[in-house]
Amino acid sequence: MDIHKPKPWHGVREFLKEYVIIVVGVLTALAAEQMVEAFHWSEKVRHAEAQEAPEIASIYADAYERDVVQPCIDRRIEDLKAALLTGPGEWKPLASMMVTGVSGRDGVLITPSRLWPDQVWQTLVADGTVSHLREDRELLYGSIFVQTQALRARHVLEIGEVSAFNLLHNHTVLSWPERNEMVLRLEQEEVRNDGMTSNARRLMLNIARLGPPDTNLAERQLLKQSGTYRACFFAGFLPAGSRPPADLTPEDRRLLGVAPPAPAKP
């Protein structure tokens, strides 16, 4: 069996030649590996942002709803406070309920109930994809989801607080201390509502920096799914010219004097 022994180098020049060949080969292999890795993450980031888009659109729609109904909620709070401060004794419920059209959701004071989702984002953080986003977009996404989490936390608190106001749907007797306590809680909700709306507006601006938001989707969700918007519309607490909810029945439209929807174009 012939064994091919390595040829000895003949001088420094041949040594350097062999050395350069080895170094160039190693560097070429590393560069190719990095190119493959970069392409892999580029595709993964592109896919991740496509996955994230529906979640961002949902968050934008939630923020849009809060922005639209904020004046209505504040007006309802002011009406309740004024009625409570008329004097102690018998409490007579306000003539109107806030009627959402959703079973179990009618009440004295109705606020939006939304998920403020971030499940896709948390998955992308966990698998390391986020760290491969372009730096400015990583920071922007991070800011969006910090705001989303803050709104969710306020929303959870709001759910518990607002349910207490359903006491005012009943005929009862309220002393001055009881009325003052209720007014204080209403004022706290007014501050919370205004703060959440301010946060929602900043959130919408940040989402717009990612790319043009789907305002048509947000409007459709508002008109079709928002019980709060529906209650505000029926109570007459929305600005003149506000669009009616999408699910108005013919009888609703007759009572409200709302024209039937235009027929769809063929």
C-alpha atoms as a PDB file:
ATOM      1  CA  MET A   1       0.000   0.000   0.000  1.00  0.00           C
ATOM      2  CA  ASP A   2       1.467   3.314  -1.081  1.00  0.00           C
ATOM      3  CA  ILE A   3       1.419   6.075   1.476  1.00  0.00           C
ATOM      4  CA  HIS A   4       1.621   9.595   0.075  1.00  0.00           C
ATOM      5  CA  LYS A   5       3.656  11.602   2.472  1.00  0.00           C
ATOM      6  CA  PRO A   6       3.083  15.348   2.517  1.00  0.00           C
ATOM      7  CA  LYS A   7       5.538  17.150   0.364  1.00  0.00           C
ATOM      8  CA  PRO A   8       7.969  19.275   2.254  1.00  0.00           C
ATOM      9  CA  TRP A   9       7.780  23.016   1.679  1.00  0.00           C
ATOM     10  CA  HIS A  10      10.533  24.440  -0.441  1.00  0.00           C
ATOM     11  CA  GLY A  11      11.004  27.853   0.996  1.00  0.00           C
ATOM     12  CA  VAL A  12       8.895  30.571   2.581  1.00  0.00           C
ATOM     13  CA  ARG A  13       7.036  31.417  -0.631  1.00  0.00           C
ATOM     14  CA  GLU A  14       5.514  27.939  -0.947  1.00  0.00           C
ATOM     15  CA  PHE A  15       4.599  27.966   2.738  1.00  0.00           C
ATOM     16  CA  LEU A  16       2.797  31.282   2.385  1.00  0.00           C
ATOM     17  CA  LYS A  17       1.022  30.039  -0.724  1.00  0.00           C
ATOM     18  CA  GLU A  18      -0.321  26.998   1.130  1.00  0.00           C
ATOM     19  CA  TYR A  19      -1.223  29.174   4.118  1.00  0.00           C
ATOM     20  CA  VAL A  20      -3.201  31.628   2.005  1.00  0.00           C
ATOM     21  CA  ILE A  21      -5.085  28.800   0.290  1.00  0.00           C
ATOM     22  CA  ILE A  22      -6.098  27.358   3.678  1.00  0.00           C
ATOM     23  CA  VAL A  23      -7.096  30.748   5.123  1.00  0.00           C
ATOM     24  CA  VAL A  24      -9.092  31.729   2.053  1.00  0.00           C
ATOM     25  CA  GLY A  25     -10.860  28.379   2.110  1.00  0.00           C
ATOM     26  CA  VAL A  26     -11.785  28.749   5.773  1.00  0.00           C
ATOM     27  CA  LEU A  27     -12.965  32.342   5.317  1.00  0.00           C
ATOM     28  CA  THR A  28     -15.009  31.379   2.269  1.00  0.00           C
ATOM     29  CA  ALA A  29     -16.676  28.565   4.190  1.00  0.00           C
ATOM     30  CA  LEU A  30     -17.447  30.896   7.119  1.00  0.00           C
ATOM     31  CA  ALA A  31     -18.823  33.578   4.794  1.00  0.00           C
ATOM     32  CA  ALA A  32     -21.045  31.038   3.056  1.00  0.00           C
ATOM     33  CA  GLU A  33     -22.298  29.793   6.412  1.00  0.00           C
ATOM     34  CA  GLN A  34     -23.056  33.345   7.524  1.00  0.00           C
ATOM     35  CA  MET A  35     -24.903  34.053   4.282  1.00  0.00           C
ATOM     36  CA  VAL A  36     -27.040  30.945   4.762  1.00  0.00           C
ATOM     37  CA  GLU A  37     -27.697  31.940   8.383  1.00  0.00           C
ATOM     38  CA  ALA A  38     -28.585  35.514   7.393  1.00  0.00           C
ATOM     39  CA  PHE A  39     -30.965  34.269   4.710  1.00  0.00           C
ATOM     40  CA  HIS A  40     -32.564  31.866   7.199  1.00  0.00           C
ATOM     41  CA  TRP A  41     -33.241  34.635   9.728  1.00  0.00           C
ATOM     42  CA  SER A  42     -34.334  37.058   7.033  1.00  0.00           C
ATOM     43  CA  GLU A  43     -37.004  34.596   5.932  1.00  0.00           C
ATOM     44  CA  LYS A  44     -37.965  33.816   9.511  1.00  0.00           C
ATOM     45  CA  VAL A  45     -38.319  37.523  10.359  1.00  0.00           C
ATOM     46  CA  ARG A  46     -40.416  38.118   7.237  1.00  0.00           C
ATOM     47  CA  HIS A  47     -42.682  35.211   8.197  1.00  0.00           C
ATOM     48  CA  ALA A  48     -42.831  36.428  11.812  1.00  0.00           C
ATOM     49  CA  GLU A  49     -43.973  39.923  10.829  1.00  0.00           C
ATOM     50  CA  ALA A  50     -46.632  38.378   8.591  1.00  0.00           C
ATOM     51  CA  GLN A  51     -47.793  36.280  11.563  1.00  0.00           C
ATOM     52  CA  GLU A  52     -47.795  39.360  13.776  1.00  0.00           C
ATOM     53  CA  ALA A  53     -49.874  41.509  11.398  1.00  0.00           C
ATOM     54  CA  PRO A  54     -53.337  40.150  12.432  1.00  0.00           C
ATOM     55  CA  GLU A  55     -52.475  40.624  16.114  1.00  0.00           C
ATOM     56  CA  ILE A  56     -51.366  44.203  15.478  1.00  0.00           C
ATOM     57  CA  ALA A  57     -54.569  44.838  13.488  1.00  0.00           C
ATOM     58  CA  SER A  58     -56.644  43.492  16.402  1.00  0.00           C
ATOM     59  CA  ILE A  59     -54.814  45.718  18.885  1.00  0.00           C
ATOM     60  CA  TYR A  60     -55.331  48.734  16.627  1.00  0.00           C
ATOM     61  CA  ALA A  61     -59.073  47.973  16.433  1.00  0.00           C
ATOM     62  CA  ASP A  62     -59.264  47.697  20.243  1.00  0.00           C
ATOM     63  CA  ALA A  63     -57.516  51.058  20.627  1.00  0.00           C
ATOM     64  CA  TYR A  64     -59.738  52.622  17.953  1.00  0.00           C
ATOM     65  CA  GLU A  65     -62.868  51.500  19.821  1.00  0.00           C
ATOM     66  CA  ARG A  66     -61.662  53.016  23.096  1.00  0.00           C
ATOM     67  CA  ASP A  67     -60.900  56.307  21.353  1.00  0.00           C
ATOM     68  CA  VAL A  68     -64.348  56.500  19.716  1.00  0.00           C
ATOM     69  CA  VAL A  69     -66.443  55.671  22.809  1.00  0.00           C
ATOM     70  CA  GLN A  70     -64.467  57.707  25.353  1.00  0.00           C
ATOM     71  CA  PRO A  71     -66.735  60.816  25.213  1.00  0.00           C
ATOM     72  CA  CYS A  72     -69.819  58.615  25.578  1.00  0.00           C
ATOM     73  CA  ILE A  73     -68.458  56.911  28.708  1.00  0.00           C
ATOM     74  CA  ASP A  74     -67.498  60.253  30.241  1.00  0.00           C
ATOM     75  CA  ARG A  75     -70.954  61.659  29.537  1.00  0.00           C
ATOM     76  CA  ARG A  76     -72.640  58.658  31.158  1.00  0.00           C
ATOM     77  CA  ILE A  77     -70.414  59.048  34.213  1.00  0.00           C
ATOM     78  CA  GLU A  78     -71.310  62.736  34.512  1.00  0.00           C
ATOM     79  CA  ASP A  79     -75.047  61.903  34.327  1.00  0.00           C
ATOM     80  CA  LEU A  80     -74.682  59.300  37.084  1.00  0.00           C
ATOM     81  CA  LYS A  81     -72.683  61.662  39.307  1.00  0.00           C
ATOM     82  CA  ALA A  82     -75.235  64.432  38.883  1.00  0.00           C
ATOM     83  CA  ALA A  83     -78.088  62.100  39.828  1.00  0.00           C
ATOM     84  CA  LEU A  84     -76.233  60.776  42.879  1.00  0.00           C
ATOM     85  CA  LEU A  85     -75.508  64.272  44.180  1.00  0.00           C
ATOM     86  CA  THR A  86     -79.149  65.389  44.207  1.00  0.00           C
ATOM     87  CA  GLY A  87     -79.472  64.332  47.840  1.00  0.00           C
ATOM     88  CA  PRO A  88     -79.675  61.300  50.160  1.00  0.00           C
ATOM     89  CA  GLY A  89     -82.616  58.973  50.379  1.00  0.00           C
ATOM     90  CA  GLU A  90     -84.403  57.024  47.704  1.00  0.00           C
ATOM     91  CA  TRP A  91     -82.388  56.253  44.589  1.00  0.00           C
ATOM     92  CA  LYS A  92     -84.353  56.080  41.383  1.00  0.00           C
ATOM     93  CA  PRO A  93     -82.463  54.476  38.490  1.00  0.00           C
ATOM     94  CA  LEU A  94     -81.843  56.648  35.463  1.00  0.00           C
ATOM     95  CA  ALA A  95     -84.515  56.187  32.842  1.00  0.00           C
ATOM     96  CA  SER A  96     -82.137  54.614  30.352  1.00  0.00           C
ATOM     97  CA  MET A  97     -79.907  51.564  30.574  1.00  0.00           C
ATOM     98  CA  MET A  98     -76.884  51.189  28.338  1.00  0.00           C
ATOM     99  CA  VAL A  99     -78.214  48.485  26.029  1.00  0.00           C
ATOM    100  CA  THR A 100     -75.520  46.557  24.147  1.00  0.00           C
ATOM    101  CA  GLY A 101     -77.646  43.948  22.437  1.00  0.00           C
ATOM    102  CA  VAL A 102     -75.292  41.298  23.896  1.00  0.00           C
ATOM    103  CA  SER A 103     -76.758  38.907  26.466  1.00  0.00           C
ATOM    104  CA  GLY A 104     -75.504  39.727  29.952  1.00  0.00           C
ATOM    105  CA  ARG A 105     -73.753  42.924  28.886  1.00  0.00           C
ATOM    106  CA  ASP A 106     -76.460  45.565  29.453  1.00  0.00           C
ATOM    107  CA  GLY A 107     -75.839  47.776  32.456  1.00  0.00           C
ATOM    108  CA  VAL A 108     -75.707  51.164  34.106  1.00  0.00           C
ATOM    109  CA  LEU A 109     -72.253  51.881  32.685  1.00  0.00           C
ATOM    110  CA  ILE A 110     -70.769  49.907  29.792  1.00  0.00           C
ATOM    111  CA  THR A 111     -67.125  50.007  28.749  1.00  0.00           C
ATOM    112  CA  PRO A 112     -65.325  48.030  26.016  1.00  0.00           C
ATOM    113  CA  SER A 113     -64.371  44.457  26.820  1.00  0.00           C
ATOM    114  CA  ARG A 114     -61.388  43.429  24.699  1.00  0.00           C
ATOM    115  CA  LEU A 115     -58.498  40.958  24.925  1.00  0.00           C
ATOM    116  CA  TRP A 116     -55.566  43.256  24.023  1.00  0.00           C
ATOM    117  CA  PRO A 117     -53.749  40.177  22.591  1.00  0.00           C
ATOM    118  CA  ASP A 118     -49.987  39.577  22.610  1.00  0.00           C
ATOM    119  CA  GLN A 119     -49.672  35.778  22.301  1.00  0.00           C
ATOM    120  CA  VAL A 120     -47.882  35.867  18.933  1.00  0.00           C
ATOM    121  CA  TRP A 121     -45.442  38.476  20.201  1.00  0.00           C
ATOM    122  CA  GLN A 122     -44.628  36.427  23.304  1.00  0.00           C
ATOM    123  CA  THR A 123     -43.931  33.395  21.086  1.00  0.00           C
ATOM    124  CA  LEU A 124     -41.558  35.415  18.903  1.00  0.00           C
ATOM    125  CA  VAL A 125     -39.752  36.694  21.989  1.00  0.00           C
ATOM    126  CA  ALA A 126     -39.418  33.159  23.374  1.00  0.00           C
ATOM    127  CA  ASP A 127     -37.969  31.636  20.180  1.00  0.00           C
ATOM    128  CA  GLY A 128     -35.437  34.446  19.668  1.00  0.00           C
ATOM    129  CA  THR A 129     -36.911  35.838  16.451  1.00  0.00           C
ATOM    130  CA  VAL A 130     -37.391  39.301  17.946  1.00  0.00           C
ATOM    131  CA  SER A 131     -33.649  39.787  18.407  1.00  0.00           C
ATOM    132  CA  HIS A 132     -33.195  39.431  14.630  1.00  0.00           C
ATOM    133  CA  LEU A 133     -35.605  42.227  13.751  1.00  0.00           C
ATOM    134  CA  ARG A 134     -34.139  45.449  12.437  1.00  0.00           C
ATOM    135  CA  GLU A 135     -33.216  47.469  15.533  1.00  0.00           C
ATOM    136  CA  ASP A 136     -35.700  50.297  14.975  1.00  0.00           C
ATOM    137  CA  ARG A 137     -38.559  47.849  14.388  1.00  0.00           C
ATOM    138  CA  GLU A 138     -37.613  45.762  17.406  1.00  0.00           C
ATOM    139  CA  LEU A 139     -37.805  48.891  19.569  1.00  0.00           C
ATOM    140  CA  LEU A 140     -41.097  49.936  17.991  1.00  0.00           C
ATOM    141  CA  TYR A 141     -42.705  46.516  18.456  1.00  0.00           C
ATOM    142  CA  GLY A 142     -41.419  46.436  22.029  1.00  0.00           C
ATOM    143  CA  SER A 143     -43.008  49.820  22.746  1.00  0.00           C
ATOM    144  CA  ILE A 144     -46.320  48.713  21.205  1.00  0.00           C
ATOM    145  CA  PHE A 145     -46.538  45.617  23.383  1.00  0.00           C
ATOM    146  CA  VAL A 146     -45.514  47.429  26.564  1.00  0.00           C
ATOM    147  CA  GLN A 147     -48.440  49.791  25.903  1.00  0.00           C
ATOM    148  CA  THR A 148     -50.706  46.825  25.126  1.00  0.00           C
ATOM    149  CA  GLN A 149     -49.840  45.121  28.412  1.00  0.00           C
ATOM    150  CA  ALA A 150     -50.475  48.357  30.347  1.00  0.00           C
ATOM    151  CA  LEU A 151     -53.903  48.724  28.711  1.00  0.00           C
ATOM    152  CA  ARG A 152     -54.752  45.106  29.478  1.00  0.00           C
ATOM    153  CA  ALA A 153     -53.874  45.605  33.158  1.00  0.00           C
ATOM    154  CA  ARG A 154     -56.082  48.703  33.362  1.00  0.00           C
ATOM    155  CA  HIS A 155     -58.852  46.864  31.558  1.00  0.00           C
ATOM    156  CA  VAL A 156     -58.821  43.998  34.083  1.00  0.00           C
ATOM    157  CA  LEU A 157     -59.127  46.537  36.902  1.00  0.00           C
ATOM    158  CA  GLU A 158     -61.910  48.354  35.051  1.00  0.00           C
ATOM    159  CA  ILE A 159     -64.026  45.198  34.665  1.00  0.00           C
ATOM    160  CA  GLY A 160     -64.217  44.757  38.439  1.00  0.00           C
ATOM    161  CA  GLU A 161     -64.887  48.420  39.145  1.00  0.00           C
ATOM    162  CA  VAL A 162     -67.597  48.958  36.524  1.00  0.00           C
ATOM    163  CA  SER A 163     -69.655  45.968  37.683  1.00  0.00           C
ATOM    164  CA  ALA A 164     -70.182  47.708  41.056  1.00  0.00           C
ATOM    165  CA  PHE A 165     -72.214  50.460  39.372  1.00  0.00           C
ATOM    166  CA  ASN A 166     -74.970  47.990  38.468  1.00  0.00           C
ATOM    167  CA  LEU A 167     -76.291  48.618  41.992  1.00  0.00           C
ATOM    168  CA  LEU A 168     -77.637  51.849  40.516  1.00  0.00           C
ATOM    169  CA  HIS A 169     -79.961  49.876  38.278  1.00  0.00           C
ATOM    170  CA  ASN A 170     -82.111  49.087  41.334  1.00  0.00           C
ATOM    171  CA  HIS A 171     -84.547  51.137  43.404  1.00  0.00           C
ATOM    172  CA  THR A 172     -82.810  51.498  46.755  1.00  0.00           C
ATOM    173  CA  VAL A 173     -81.951  53.956  49.511  1.00  0.00           C
ATOM    174  CA  LEU A 174     -78.520  55.591  49.505  1.00  0.00           C
ATOM    175  CA  SER A 175     -77.134  57.742  52.297  1.00  0.00           C
ATOM    176  CA  TRP A 176     -74.786  60.656  51.672  1.00  0.00           C
ATOM    177  CA  PRO A 177     -71.689  58.566  52.516  1.00  0.00           C
ATOM    178  CA  GLU A 178     -72.855  55.818  50.146  1.00  0.00           C
ATOM    179  CA  ARG A 179     -73.529  58.340  47.392  1.00  0.00           C
ATOM    180  CA  ASN A 180     -70.192  60.054  47.922  1.00  0.00           C
ATOM    181  CA  GLU A 181     -68.393  56.707  47.775  1.00  0.00           C
ATOM    182  CA  MET A 182     -70.146  55.888  44.497  1.00  0.00           C
ATOM    183  CA  VAL A 183     -69.291  59.309  43.076  1.00  0.00           C
ATOM    184  CA  LEU A 184     -65.648  58.807  44.051  1.00  0.00           C
ATOM    185  CA  ARG A 185     -65.578  55.471  42.229  1.00  0.00           C
ATOM    186  CA  LEU A 186     -67.191  57.065  39.177  1.00  0.00           C
ATOM    187  CA  GLU A 187     -64.543  59.779  39.186  1.00  0.00           C
ATOM    188  CA  GLN A 188     -61.842  57.115  39.376  1.00  0.00           C
ATOM    189  CA  GLU A 189     -63.391  55.383  36.362  1.00  0.00           C
ATOM    190  CA  GLU A 190     -63.500  58.704  34.511  1.00  0.00           C
ATOM    191  CA  VAL A 191     -59.766  59.181  35.108  1.00  0.00           C
ATOM    192  CA  ARG A 192     -59.118  55.565  34.078  1.00  0.00           C
ATOM    193  CA  ASN A 193     -61.198  55.939  30.917  1.00  0.00           C
ATOM    194  CA  ASP A 194     -59.402  59.133  29.913  1.00  0.00           C
ATOM    195  CA  GLY A 195     -56.007  57.595  30.688  1.00  0.00           C
ATOM    196  CA  MET A 196     -56.754  54.454  28.673  1.00  0.00           C
ATOM    197  CA  THR A 197     -57.928  56.610  25.772  1.00  0.00           C
ATOM    198  CA  SER A 198     -54.729  58.656  25.870  1.00  0.00           C
ATOM    199  CA  ASN A 199     -52.690  55.433  25.883  1.00  0.00           C
ATOM    200  CA  ALA A 200     -54.811  54.017  23.061  1.00  0.00           C
ATOM    201  CA  ARG A 201     -54.167  57.080  20.905  1.00  0.00           C
ATOM    202  CA  ARG A 202     -50.397  56.824  21.441  1.00  0.00           C
ATOM    203  CA  LEU A 203     -50.611  53.112  20.663  1.00  0.00           C
ATOM    204  CA  MET A 204     -52.376  53.809  17.357  1.00  0.00           C
ATOM    205  CA  LEU A 205     -49.673  56.316  16.416  1.00  0.00           C
ATOM    206  CA  ASN A 206     -46.949  53.739  17.115  1.00  0.00           C
ATOM    207  CA  ILE A 207     -48.766  51.090  15.074  1.00  0.00           C
ATOM    208  CA  ALA A 208     -49.022  53.576  12.192  1.00  0.00           C
ATOM    209  CA  ARG A 209     -45.220  53.870  12.293  1.00  0.00           C
ATOM    210  CA  LEU A 210     -44.986  50.150  11.464  1.00  0.00           C
ATOM    211  CA  GLY A 211     -47.052  50.733   8.333  1.00  0.00           C
ATOM    212  CA  PRO A 212     -50.502  51.971   7.329  1.00  0.00           C
ATOM    213  CA  PRO A 213     -53.046  50.504   9.799  1.00  0.00           C
ATOM    214  CA  ASP A 214     -56.191  48.779   8.561  1.00  0.00           C
ATOM    215  CA  THR A 215     -58.667  51.494   9.562  1.00  0.00           C
ATOM    216  CA  ASN A 216     -61.429  49.837   7.538  1.00  0.00           C
ATOM    217  CA  LEU A 217     -61.090  46.674   9.632  1.00  0.00           C
ATOM    218  CA  ALA A 218     -61.155  48.759  12.831  1.00  0.00           C
ATOM    219  CA  GLU A 219     -64.309  50.542  11.686  1.00  0.00           C
ATOM    220  CA  ARG A 220     -66.012  47.279  10.695  1.00  0.00           C
ATOM    221  CA  GLN A 221     -65.177  45.712  14.063  1.00  0.00           C
ATOM    222  CA  LEU A 222     -66.509  48.801  15.848  1.00  0.00           C
ATOM    223  CA  LEU A 223     -69.831  48.777  13.990  1.00  0.00           C
ATOM    224  CA  LYS A 224     -70.312  45.018  14.003  1.00  0.00           C
ATOM    225  CA  GLN A 225     -68.842  43.811  17.315  1.00  0.00           C
ATOM    226  CA  SER A 226     -68.767  46.695  19.803  1.00  0.00           C
ATOM    227  CA  GLY A 227     -71.604  46.443  22.290  1.00  0.00           C
ATOM    228  CA  THR A 228     -70.323  49.643  23.901  1.00  0.00           C
ATOM    229  CA  TYR A 229     -70.621  51.541  20.625  1.00  0.00           C
ATOM    230  CA  ARG A 230     -74.115  50.128  20.143  1.00  0.00           C
ATOM    231  CA  ALA A 231     -75.155  51.209  23.659  1.00  0.00           C
ATOM    232  CA  CYS A 232     -73.713  54.679  23.098  1.00  0.00           C
ATOM    233  CA  PHE A 233     -75.509  54.977  19.769  1.00  0.00           C
ATOM    234  CA  PHE A 234     -78.885  53.997  21.269  1.00  0.00           C
ATOM    235  CA  ALA A 235     -78.359  56.354  24.236  1.00  0.00           C
ATOM    236  CA  GLY A 236     -77.664  59.249  21.863  1.00  0.00           C
ATOM    237  CA  PHE A 237     -74.227  59.838  23.390  1.00  0.00           C
ATOM    238  CA  LEU A 238     -72.278  59.826  20.112  1.00  0.00           C
ATOM    239  CA  PRO A 239     -71.563  62.884  17.931  1.00  0.00           C
ATOM    240  CA  ALA A 240     -74.151  63.794  15.316  1.00  0.00           C
ATOM    241  CA  GLY A 241     -73.635  61.889  12.096  1.00  0.00           C
ATOM    242  CA  SER A 242     -72.077  58.832  13.751  1.00  0.00           C
ATOM    243  CA  ARG A 243     -72.602  55.676  11.706  1.00  0.00           C
ATOM    244  CA  PRO A 244     -75.164  53.215  13.095  1.00  0.00           C
ATOM    245  CA  PRO A 245     -74.111  49.753  14.276  1.00  0.00           C
ATOM    246  CA  ALA A 246     -74.081  47.137  11.545  1.00  0.00           C
ATOM    247  CA  ASP A 247     -76.595  44.846  13.293  1.00  0.00           C
ATOM    248  CA  LEU A 248     -79.572  47.219  13.613  1.00  0.00           C
ATOM    249  CA  THR A 249     -82.858  45.466  12.934  1.00  0.00           C
ATOM    250  CA  PRO A 250     -85.515  47.113  10.735  1.00  0.00           C
ATOM    251  CA  GLU A 251     -87.442  47.913  13.943  1.00  0.00           C
ATOM    252  CA  ASP A 252     -84.341  49.515  15.480  1.00  0.00           C
ATOM    253  CA  ARG A 253     -83.961  51.662  12.400  1.00  0.00           C
ATOM    254  CA  ARG A 254     -87.622  52.689  12.470  1.00  0.00           C
ATOM    255  CA  LEU A 255     -87.468  53.721  16.145  1.00  0.00           C
ATOM    256  CA  LEU A 256     -84.205  55.587  15.702  1.00  0.00           C
ATOM    257  CA  GLY A 257     -85.107  57.162  12.386  1.00  0.00           C
ATOM    258  CA  VAL A 258     -82.084  55.599  10.715  1.00  0.00           C
ATOM    259  CA  ALA A 259     -82.242  55.008   6.978  1.00  0.00           C
ATOM    260  CA  PRO A 260     -81.862  51.407   5.787  1.00  0.00           C
ATOM    261  CA  PRO A 261     -78.435  50.489   4.445  1.00  0.00           C
ATOM    262  CA  ALA A 262     -77.812  51.114   0.773  1.00  0.00           C
ATOM    263  CA  PRO A 263     -78.170  47.971  -1.363  1.00  0.00           C
ATOM    264  CA  ALA A 264     -74.891  46.284  -2.277  1.00  0.00           C
ATOM    265  CA  LYS A 265     -73.571  47.102  -5.710  1.00  0.00           C
ATOM    266  CA  PRO A 266     -73.833  44.181  -8.159  1.00  0.00           C
END
